[in-house]
Amino acid sequence: MKVYVLFLIQFIIWSGYTLTEWLSKHDHPLYNGLMFLVFFYLAVVIGENFIQSQRKVLFITAFSLGLYASFHIVLSYFHFPPILQK
């Protein structure tokens, strides 16, 4: 159950990263990379509070990031109505 809760919390973290990246779309790519590292570190630290095994935390973090990225890529191919594209 802890793994499932951690997975959901990390999805919230990745969603927060996507929102902040969208809000700072005119920033330099270096700053977006640094912001990603901050969110990744946040996901790992929160994961270590739930699960004591660092190897499990890194695996779950990488898996949740990969799954979130794949959802994000797949959904970017769908065309939404113009009112939702702003």
PDB file of N, CA and C in Angstrom:
ATOM      1  N   MET A   1       0.816  -1.194   0.000  1.00  0.00           N
ATOM      2  CA  MET A   1       0.000   0.000   0.000  1.00  0.00           C
ATOM      3  C   MET A   1       0.868   1.270   0.000  1.00  0.00           C
ATOM      4  N   LYS A   2       2.016   1.215   0.672  1.00  0.00           N
ATOM      5  CA  LYS A   2       2.901   2.376   0.698  1.00  0.00           C
ATOM      6  C   LYS A   2       3.427   2.696  -0.696  1.00  0.00           C
ATOM      7  N   VAL A   3       3.687   1.656  -1.462  1.00  0.00           N
ATOM      8  CA  VAL A   3       4.202   1.859  -2.820  1.00  0.00           C
ATOM      9  C   VAL A   3       3.146   2.553  -3.677  1.00  0.00           C
ATOM     10  N   TYR A   4       1.906   2.132  -3.534  1.00  0.00           N
ATOM     11  CA  TYR A   4       0.817   2.727  -4.306  1.00  0.00           C
ATOM     12  C   TYR A   4       0.630   4.197  -3.939  1.00  0.00           C
ATOM     13  N   VAL A   5       0.652   4.510  -2.651  1.00  0.00           N
ATOM     14  CA  VAL A   5       0.493   5.893  -2.205  1.00  0.00           C
ATOM     15  C   VAL A   5       1.665   6.744  -2.704  1.00  0.00           C
ATOM     16  N   LEU A   6       2.868   6.213  -2.610  1.00  0.00           N
ATOM     17  CA  LEU A   6       4.041   6.931  -3.102  1.00  0.00           C
ATOM     18  C   LEU A   6       3.937   7.174  -4.602  1.00  0.00           C
ATOM     19  N   PHE A   7       3.455   6.182  -5.330  1.00  0.00           N
ATOM     20  CA  PHE A   7       3.283   6.311  -6.776  1.00  0.00           C
ATOM     21  C   PHE A   7       2.311   7.451  -7.093  1.00  0.00           C
ATOM     22  N   LEU A   8       1.203   7.529  -6.363  1.00  0.00           N
ATOM     23  CA  LEU A   8       0.224   8.592  -6.592  1.00  0.00           C
ATOM     24  C   LEU A   8       0.785   9.966  -6.225  1.00  0.00           C
ATOM     25  N   ILE A   9       1.528  10.029  -5.123  1.00  0.00           N
ATOM     26  CA  ILE A   9       2.127  11.302  -4.721  1.00  0.00           C
ATOM     27  C   ILE A   9       3.147  11.762  -5.762  1.00  0.00           C
ATOM     28  N   GLN A  10       3.910  10.832  -6.294  1.00  0.00           N
ATOM     29  CA  GLN A  10       4.883  11.214  -7.312  1.00  0.00           C
ATOM     30  C   GLN A  10       4.201  11.647  -8.604  1.00  0.00           C
ATOM     31  N   PHE A  11       3.053  11.083  -8.923  1.00  0.00           N
ATOM     32  CA  PHE A  11       2.300  11.569 -10.080  1.00  0.00           C
ATOM     33  C   PHE A  11       1.858  13.010  -9.855  1.00  0.00           C
ATOM     34  N   ILE A  12       1.497  13.341  -8.619  1.00  0.00           N
ATOM     35  CA  ILE A  12       1.131  14.720  -8.286  1.00  0.00           C
ATOM     36  C   ILE A  12       2.352  15.627  -8.438  1.00  0.00           C
ATOM     37  N   ILE A  13       3.520  15.137  -8.025  1.00  0.00           N
ATOM     38  CA  ILE A  13       4.751  15.918  -8.159  1.00  0.00           C
ATOM     39  C   ILE A  13       5.061  16.166  -9.630  1.00  0.00           C
ATOM     40  N   TRP A  14       4.945  15.131 -10.462  1.00  0.00           N
ATOM     41  CA  TRP A  14       5.232  15.314 -11.894  1.00  0.00           C
ATOM     42  C   TRP A  14       4.207  16.234 -12.545  1.00  0.00           C
ATOM     43  N   SER A  15       2.966  16.188 -12.089  1.00  0.00           N
ATOM     44  CA  SER A  15       1.961  17.114 -12.601  1.00  0.00           C
ATOM     45  C   SER A  15       2.300  18.545 -12.212  1.00  0.00           C
ATOM     46  N   GLY A  16       2.793  18.718 -10.990  1.00  0.00           N
ATOM     47  CA  GLY A  16       3.230  20.047 -10.552  1.00  0.00           C
ATOM     48  C   GLY A  16       4.395  20.548 -11.385  1.00  0.00           C
ATOM     49  N   TYR A  17       5.309  19.651 -11.722  1.00  0.00           N
ATOM     50  CA  TYR A  17       6.430  20.043 -12.586  1.00  0.00           C
ATOM     51  C   TYR A  17       5.925  20.467 -13.966  1.00  0.00           C
ATOM     52  N   THR A  18       4.989  19.717 -14.507  1.00  0.00           N
ATOM     53  CA  THR A  18       4.437  20.062 -15.817  1.00  0.00           C
ATOM     54  C   THR A  18       3.756  21.426 -15.775  1.00  0.00           C
ATOM     55  N   LEU A  19       3.030  21.695 -14.702  1.00  0.00           N
ATOM     56  CA  LEU A  19       2.363  22.992 -14.563  1.00  0.00           C
ATOM     57  C   LEU A  19       3.377  24.121 -14.461  1.00  0.00           C
ATOM     58  N   THR A  20       4.398  23.953 -13.651  1.00  0.00           N
ATOM     59  CA  THR A  20       5.397  25.026 -13.517  1.00  0.00           C
ATOM     60  C   THR A  20       6.206  25.199 -14.800  1.00  0.00           C
ATOM     61  N   GLU A  21       6.442  24.112 -15.512  1.00  0.00           N
ATOM     62  CA  GLU A  21       7.143  24.230 -16.795  1.00  0.00           C
ATOM     63  C   GLU A  21       6.280  24.979 -17.808  1.00  0.00           C
ATOM     64  N   TRP A  22       4.980  24.718 -17.777  1.00  0.00           N
ATOM     65  CA  TRP A  22       4.062  25.406 -18.678  1.00  0.00           C
ATOM     66  C   TRP A  22       3.983  26.894 -18.337  1.00  0.00           C
ATOM     67  N   LEU A  23       3.994  27.217 -17.043  1.00  0.00           N
ATOM     68  CA  LEU A  23       3.933  28.617 -16.624  1.00  0.00           C
ATOM     69  C   LEU A  23       5.223  29.368 -16.938  1.00  0.00           C
ATOM     70  N   SER A  24       6.345  28.654 -17.018  1.00  0.00           N
ATOM     71  CA  SER A  24       7.626  29.306 -17.309  1.00  0.00           C
ATOM     72  C   SER A  24       8.139  28.898 -18.681  1.00  0.00           C
ATOM     73  N   LYS A  25       7.269  28.942 -19.674  1.00  0.00           N
ATOM     74  CA  LYS A  25       7.639  28.474 -21.010  1.00  0.00           C
ATOM     75  C   LYS A  25       8.649  29.370 -21.705  1.00  0.00           C
ATOM     76  N   HIS A  26       8.825  30.589 -21.226  1.00  0.00           N
ATOM     77  CA  HIS A  26       9.779  31.496 -21.862  1.00  0.00           C
ATOM     78  C   HIS A  26      11.131  31.512 -21.150  1.00  0.00           C
ATOM     79  N   ASP A  27      11.307  30.649 -20.173  1.00  0.00           N
ATOM     80  CA  ASP A  27      12.583  30.583 -19.453  1.00  0.00           C
ATOM     81  C   ASP A  27      13.637  29.873 -20.293  1.00  0.00           C
ATOM     82  N   HIS A  28      14.874  30.073 -19.922  1.00  0.00           N
ATOM     83  CA  HIS A  28      15.996  29.405 -20.571  1.00  0.00           C
ATOM     84  C   HIS A  28      15.914  27.900 -20.276  1.00  0.00           C
ATOM     85  N   PRO A  29      16.251  27.038 -21.245  1.00  0.00           N
ATOM     86  CA  PRO A  29      16.181  25.583 -21.019  1.00  0.00           C
ATOM     87  C   PRO A  29      17.029  25.098 -19.837  1.00  0.00           C
ATOM     88  N   LEU A  30      18.110  25.794 -19.543  1.00  0.00           N
ATOM     89  CA  LEU A  30      18.932  25.423 -18.395  1.00  0.00           C
ATOM     90  C   LEU A  30      18.130  25.534 -17.097  1.00  0.00           C
ATOM     91  N   TYR A  31      17.314  26.577 -16.998  1.00  0.00           N
ATOM     92  CA  TYR A  31      16.502  26.758 -15.799  1.00  0.00           C
ATOM     93  C   TYR A  31      15.420  25.683 -15.691  1.00  0.00           C
ATOM     94  N   ASN A  32      14.880  25.268 -16.831  1.00  0.00           N
ATOM     95  CA  ASN A  32      13.906  24.179 -16.805  1.00  0.00           C
ATOM     96  C   ASN A  32      14.573  22.873 -16.368  1.00  0.00           C
ATOM     97  N   GLY A  33      15.811  22.659 -16.788  1.00  0.00           N
ATOM     98  CA  GLY A  33      16.543  21.469 -16.359  1.00  0.00           C
ATOM     99  C   GLY A  33      16.834  21.494 -14.869  1.00  0.00           C
ATOM    100  N   LEU A  34      17.221  22.650 -14.369  1.00  0.00           N
ATOM    101  CA  LEU A  34      17.454  22.777 -12.932  1.00  0.00           C
ATOM    102  C   LEU A  34      16.163  22.587 -12.142  1.00  0.00           C
ATOM    103  N   MET A  35      15.059  23.100 -12.690  1.00  0.00           N
ATOM    104  CA  MET A  35      13.765  22.927 -12.036  1.00  0.00           C
ATOM    105  C   MET A  35      13.375  21.444 -12.016  1.00  0.00           C
ATOM    106  N   PHE A  36      13.685  20.718 -13.095  1.00  0.00           N
ATOM    107  CA  PHE A  36      13.412  19.279 -13.113  1.00  0.00           C
ATOM    108  C   PHE A  36      14.210  18.568 -12.030  1.00  0.00           C
ATOM    109  N   LEU A  37      15.478  18.944 -11.866  1.00  0.00           N
ATOM    110  CA  LEU A  37      16.302  18.315 -10.828  1.00  0.00           C
ATOM    111  C   LEU A  37      15.736  18.583  -9.434  1.00  0.00           C
ATOM    112  N   VAL A  38      15.209  19.775  -9.216  1.00  0.00           N
ATOM    113  CA  VAL A  38      14.598  20.091  -7.922  1.00  0.00           C
ATOM    114  C   VAL A  38      13.365  19.211  -7.690  1.00  0.00           C
ATOM    115  N   PHE A  39      12.527  19.067  -8.695  1.00  0.00           N
ATOM    116  CA  PHE A  39      11.333  18.224  -8.545  1.00  0.00           C
ATOM    117  C   PHE A  39      11.713  16.753  -8.390  1.00  0.00           C
ATOM    118  N   PHE A  40      12.751  16.308  -9.091  1.00  0.00           N
ATOM    119  CA  PHE A  40      13.206  14.926  -8.957  1.00  0.00           C
ATOM    120  C   PHE A  40      13.725  14.686  -7.541  1.00  0.00           C
ATOM    121  N   TYR A  41      14.501  15.636  -7.025  1.00  0.00           N
ATOM    122  CA  TYR A  41      15.008  15.522  -5.660  1.00  0.00           C
ATOM    123  C   TYR A  41      13.850  15.510  -4.662  1.00  0.00           C
ATOM    124  N   LEU A  42      12.849  16.349  -4.881  1.00  0.00           N
ATOM    125  CA  LEU A  42      11.676  16.372  -4.024  1.00  0.00           C
ATOM    126  C   LEU A  42      10.953  15.027  -4.038  1.00  0.00           C
ATOM    127  N   ALA A  43      10.826  14.423  -5.210  1.00  0.00           N
ATOM    128  CA  ALA A  43      10.166  13.116  -5.317  1.00  0.00           C
ATOM    129  C   ALA A  43      10.953  12.049  -4.569  1.00  0.00           C
ATOM    130  N   VAL A  44      12.274  12.088  -4.665  1.00  0.00           N
ATOM    131  CA  VAL A  44      13.102  11.089  -3.978  1.00  0.00           C
ATOM    132  C   VAL A  44      13.041  11.281  -2.463  1.00  0.00           C
ATOM    133  N   VAL A  45      13.112  12.517  -1.997  1.00  0.00           N
ATOM    134  CA  VAL A  45      13.074  12.770  -0.553  1.00  0.00           C
ATOM    135  C   VAL A  45      11.730  12.360   0.042  1.00  0.00           C
ATOM    136  N   ILE A  46      10.650  12.682  -0.637  1.00  0.00           N
ATOM    137  CA  ILE A  46       9.335  12.257  -0.152  1.00  0.00           C
ATOM    138  C   ILE A  46       9.228  10.740  -0.186  1.00  0.00           C
ATOM    139  N   GLY A  47       9.789  10.124  -1.216  1.00  0.00           N
ATOM    140  CA  GLY A  47       9.770   8.663  -1.307  1.00  0.00           C
ATOM    141  C   GLY A  47      10.550   8.006  -0.186  1.00  0.00           C
ATOM    142  N   GLU A  48      11.668   8.608   0.211  1.00  0.00           N
ATOM    143  CA  GLU A  48      12.459   8.035   1.302  1.00  0.00           C
ATOM    144  C   GLU A  48      11.742   8.149   2.638  1.00  0.00           C
ATOM    145  N   ASN A  49      10.815   9.102   2.770  1.00  0.00           N
ATOM    146  CA  ASN A  49      10.019   9.182   3.984  1.00  0.00           C
ATOM    147  C   ASN A  49       8.974   8.070   4.049  1.00  0.00           C
ATOM    148  N   PHE A  50       8.512   7.586   2.898  1.00  0.00           N
ATOM    149  CA  PHE A  50       7.524   6.515   2.863  1.00  0.00           C
ATOM    150  C   PHE A  50       8.180   5.143   2.942  1.00  0.00           C
ATOM    151  N   ILE A  51       9.209   4.947   2.127  1.00  0.00           N
ATOM    152  CA  ILE A  51       9.860   3.639   2.017  1.00  0.00           C
ATOM    153  C   ILE A  51      11.319   3.819   2.404  1.00  0.00           C
ATOM    154  N   GLN A  52      11.811   2.964   3.256  1.00  0.00           N
ATOM    155  CA  GLN A  52      13.161   3.123   3.792  1.00  0.00           C
ATOM    156  C   GLN A  52      14.252   2.614   2.843  1.00  0.00           C
ATOM    157  N   SER A  53      13.899   1.854   1.843  1.00  0.00           N
ATOM    158  CA  SER A  53      14.874   1.309   0.903  1.00  0.00           C
ATOM    159  C   SER A  53      15.143   2.327  -0.209  1.00  0.00           C
ATOM    160  N   GLN A  54      16.379   2.774  -0.295  1.00  0.00           N
ATOM    161  CA  GLN A  54      16.717   3.773  -1.316  1.00  0.00           C
ATOM    162  C   GLN A  54      16.631   3.193  -2.726  1.00  0.00           C
ATOM    163  N   ARG A  55      16.952   1.922  -2.873  1.00  0.00           N
ATOM    164  CA  ARG A  55      16.882   1.283  -4.187  1.00  0.00           C
ATOM    165  C   ARG A  55      15.432   1.219  -4.673  1.00  0.00           C
ATOM    166  N   LYS A  56      14.514   0.868  -3.778  1.00  0.00           N
ATOM    167  CA  LYS A  56      13.100   0.821  -4.147  1.00  0.00           C
ATOM    168  C   LYS A  56      12.583   2.208  -4.506  1.00  0.00           C
ATOM    169  N   VAL A  57      13.002   3.195  -3.731  1.00  0.00           N
ATOM    170  CA  VAL A  57      12.544   4.565  -3.986  1.00  0.00           C
ATOM    171  C   VAL A  57      13.011   5.035  -5.359  1.00  0.00           C
ATOM    172  N   LEU A  58      14.264   4.789  -5.693  1.00  0.00           N
ATOM    173  CA  LEU A  58      14.769   5.211  -7.004  1.00  0.00           C
ATOM    174  C   LEU A  58      14.065   4.470  -8.133  1.00  0.00           C
ATOM    175  N   PHE A  59      13.774   3.191  -7.919  1.00  0.00           N
ATOM    176  CA  PHE A  59      13.054   2.423  -8.941  1.00  0.00           C
ATOM    177  C   PHE A  59      11.640   2.966  -9.125  1.00  0.00           C
ATOM    178  N   ILE A  60      10.930   3.203  -8.021  1.00  0.00           N
ATOM    179  CA  ILE A  60       9.554   3.705  -8.105  1.00  0.00           C
ATOM    180  C   ILE A  60       9.538   5.098  -8.723  1.00  0.00           C
ATOM    181  N   THR A  61      10.513   5.936  -8.364  1.00  0.00           N
ATOM    182  CA  THR A  61      10.581   7.287  -8.926  1.00  0.00           C
ATOM    183  C   THR A  61      10.838   7.231 -10.428  1.00  0.00           C
ATOM    184  N   ALA A  62      11.775   6.412 -10.845  1.00  0.00           N
ATOM    185  CA  ALA A  62      12.063   6.289 -12.277  1.00  0.00           C
ATOM    186  C   ALA A  62      10.865   5.706 -13.026  1.00  0.00           C
ATOM    187  N   PHE A  63      10.206   4.724 -12.421  1.00  0.00           N
ATOM    188  CA  PHE A  63       9.042   4.110 -13.063  1.00  0.00           C
ATOM    189  C   PHE A  63       7.887   5.101 -13.178  1.00  0.00           C
ATOM    190  N   SER A  64       7.613   5.854 -12.103  1.00  0.00           N
ATOM    191  CA  SER A  64       6.513   6.823 -12.156  1.00  0.00           C
ATOM    192  C   SER A  64       6.817   7.944 -13.143  1.00  0.00           C
ATOM    193  N   LEU A  65       8.080   8.369 -13.203  1.00  0.00           N
ATOM    194  CA  LEU A  65       8.466   9.402 -14.161  1.00  0.00           C
ATOM    195  C   LEU A  65       8.319   8.891 -15.590  1.00  0.00           C
ATOM    196  N   GLY A  66       8.751   7.667 -15.839  1.00  0.00           N
ATOM    197  CA  GLY A  66       8.616   7.087 -17.176  1.00  0.00           C
ATOM    198  C   GLY A  66       7.170   6.921 -17.593  1.00  0.00           C
ATOM    199  N   LEU A  67       6.335   6.458 -16.669  1.00  0.00           N
ATOM    200  CA  LEU A  67       4.918   6.278 -16.974  1.00  0.00           C
ATOM    201  C   LEU A  67       4.239   7.627 -17.203  1.00  0.00           C
ATOM    202  N   TYR A  68       4.563   8.598 -16.364  1.00  0.00           N
ATOM    203  CA  TYR A  68       3.976   9.931 -16.544  1.00  0.00           C
ATOM    204  C   TYR A  68       4.419  10.547 -17.870  1.00  0.00           C
ATOM    205  N   ALA A  69       5.686  10.402 -18.201  1.00  0.00           N
ATOM    206  CA  ALA A  69       6.186  10.943 -19.469  1.00  0.00           C
ATOM    207  C   ALA A  69       5.519  10.258 -20.657  1.00  0.00           C
ATOM    208  N   SER A  70       5.317   8.951 -20.566  1.00  0.00           N
ATOM    209  CA  SER A  70       4.659   8.255 -21.678  1.00  0.00           C
ATOM    210  C   SER A  70       3.203   8.692 -21.810  1.00  0.00           C
ATOM    211  N   PHE A  71       2.499   8.895 -20.700  1.00  0.00           N
ATOM    212  CA  PHE A  71       1.134   9.431 -20.767  1.00  0.00           C
ATOM    213  C   PHE A  71       1.138  10.821 -21.388  1.00  0.00           C
ATOM    214  N   HIS A  72       2.091  11.619 -20.984  1.00  0.00           N
ATOM    215  CA  HIS A  72       2.182  12.989 -21.484  1.00  0.00           C
ATOM    216  C   HIS A  72       2.443  13.002 -22.996  1.00  0.00           C
ATOM    217  N   ILE A  73       3.307  12.127 -23.463  1.00  0.00           N
ATOM    218  CA  ILE A  73       3.621  12.059 -24.889  1.00  0.00           C
ATOM    219  C   ILE A  73       2.430  11.550 -25.687  1.00  0.00           C
ATOM    220  N   VAL A  74       1.764  10.510 -25.172  1.00  0.00           N
ATOM    221  CA  VAL A  74       0.603   9.959 -25.879  1.00  0.00           C
ATOM    222  C   VAL A  74      -0.523  10.984 -25.947  1.00  0.00           C
ATOM    223  N   LEU A  75      -0.782  11.680 -24.840  1.00  0.00           N
ATOM    224  CA  LEU A  75      -1.869  12.661 -24.844  1.00  0.00           C
ATOM    225  C   LEU A  75      -1.546  13.887 -25.680  1.00  0.00           C
ATOM    226  N   SER A  76      -0.275  14.151 -25.933  1.00  0.00           N
ATOM    227  CA  SER A  76       0.077  15.301 -26.763  1.00  0.00           C
ATOM    228  C   SER A  76      -0.272  15.069 -28.236  1.00  0.00           C
ATOM    229  N   TYR A  77      -0.530  13.837 -28.627  1.00  0.00           N
ATOM    230  CA  TYR A  77      -0.899  13.557 -30.004  1.00  0.00           C
ATOM    231  C   TYR A  77      -2.381  13.758 -30.275  1.00  0.00           C
ATOM    232  N   PHE A  78      -3.188  13.847 -29.219  1.00  0.00           N
ATOM    233  CA  PHE A  78      -4.608  14.088 -29.398  1.00  0.00           C
ATOM    234  C   PHE A  78      -4.845  15.567 -29.634  1.00  0.00           C
ATOM    235  N   HIS A  79      -5.819  15.865 -30.470  1.00  0.00           N
ATOM    236  CA  HIS A  79      -6.156  17.251 -30.759  1.00  0.00           C
ATOM    237  C   HIS A  79      -7.377  17.619 -29.928  1.00  0.00           C
ATOM    238  N   PHE A  80      -7.195  18.597 -29.065  1.00  0.00           N
ATOM    239  CA  PHE A  80      -8.278  19.042 -28.212  1.00  0.00           C
ATOM    240  C   PHE A  80      -8.967  20.233 -28.842  1.00  0.00           C
ATOM    241  N   PRO A  81     -10.183  20.510 -28.431  1.00  0.00           N
ATOM    242  CA  PRO A  81     -10.889  21.681 -28.985  1.00  0.00           C
ATOM    243  C   PRO A  81     -10.078  22.957 -28.729  1.00  0.00           C
ATOM    244  N   PRO A  82     -10.240  23.967 -29.572  1.00  0.00           N
ATOM    245  CA  PRO A  82      -9.438  25.194 -29.460  1.00  0.00           C
ATOM    246  C   PRO A  82      -9.552  25.885 -28.105  1.00  0.00           C
ATOM    247  N   ILE A  83     -10.651  25.726 -27.422  1.00  0.00           N
ATOM    248  CA  ILE A  83     -10.811  26.409 -26.133  1.00  0.00           C
ATOM    249  C   ILE A  83      -9.877  25.815 -25.078  1.00  0.00           C
ATOM    250  N   LEU A  84      -9.483  24.558 -25.240  1.00  0.00           N
ATOM    251  CA  LEU A  84      -8.600  23.920 -24.282  1.00  0.00           C
ATOM    252  C   LEU A  84      -7.126  24.068 -24.642  1.00  0.00           C
ATOM    253  N   GLN A  85      -6.820  24.604 -25.802  1.00  0.00           N
ATOM    254  CA  GLN A  85      -5.427  24.708 -26.233  1.00  0.00           C
ATOM    255  C   GLN A  85      -4.749  25.951 -25.703  1.00  0.00           C
ATOM    256  N   LYS A  86      -5.451  26.853 -25.082  1.00  0.00           N
ATOM    257  CA  LYS A  86      -4.832  28.075 -24.554  1.00  0.00           C
ATOM    258  C   LYS A  86      -4.187  27.711 -23.289  1.00  0.00           C
TER     259      LYS A  86
END
